[in-house]
Amino acid sequence: MNITFMVVTVFLFFFGLIFLGKLIISGYVTYLLSVKFGDEYITSQMKRDTYIFGIVADLAAIGIVSLVLIILSNTTNISVIEIDGITFLQYYFCLFFYAIYPEYSYLGVNNQAFAEGFYIILALIAVSLIASCIMYYFFVFRKSELSKPKKFYSVFILTITTAPYYFLFSFASFGSSMALL
């Protein structure tokens, strides 16, 4: 099987899971918020915006973390160091692939390689949380008639529940089964 086909298939599968997961979770949470605060405060437009800006925040986090890591690799001149034949610069360019394919098999064997990948994924989740919080507050709830404490509560609940925790799950078994085809 062609490696490009396998990588594209894994990416499409992962993007499908992202979109489906965001749709289900943000729909359910906005439904609960509309039950708590009333349908007149949580409109259908806000529900759509919650879904859209949640995905935009995740993709923005991937871009931001990738740029920061690329800048760090160029300023500290660590792009010449190789781990398993991959330079750090290539490693950072492939951040999205490593986020969906974390090397948990390194745990206990090569703790430094595990820590590098795991800390990058934690940074990705943290940046996505911050981006989601900003986008939800300024683009979804800015014109809402909710009081400030209710806006903060809604943004906090949405940010925590729609965080990209799926980066912590490895799709290695899916990629390995695709390689066998």
Foldseek 3Di string as FASTA:
>chain_A
DDPVVLVVVVVVVVVVCLLVVLLVQLLVLLVVLCVVPNDVQRDPVLSVLLSVQLVVLLVVLLVVLLVVQLVVCVVVVQQVDDDPNHGSNNVSVCLVVCLQAPPPVCVPPPVVSNVVSVVSNVSSLVSSLVSQLVCSLPPRNVPGPDDPVSSNVSSVVSSVRSGPPSSVDYPVVVSVVSVVD
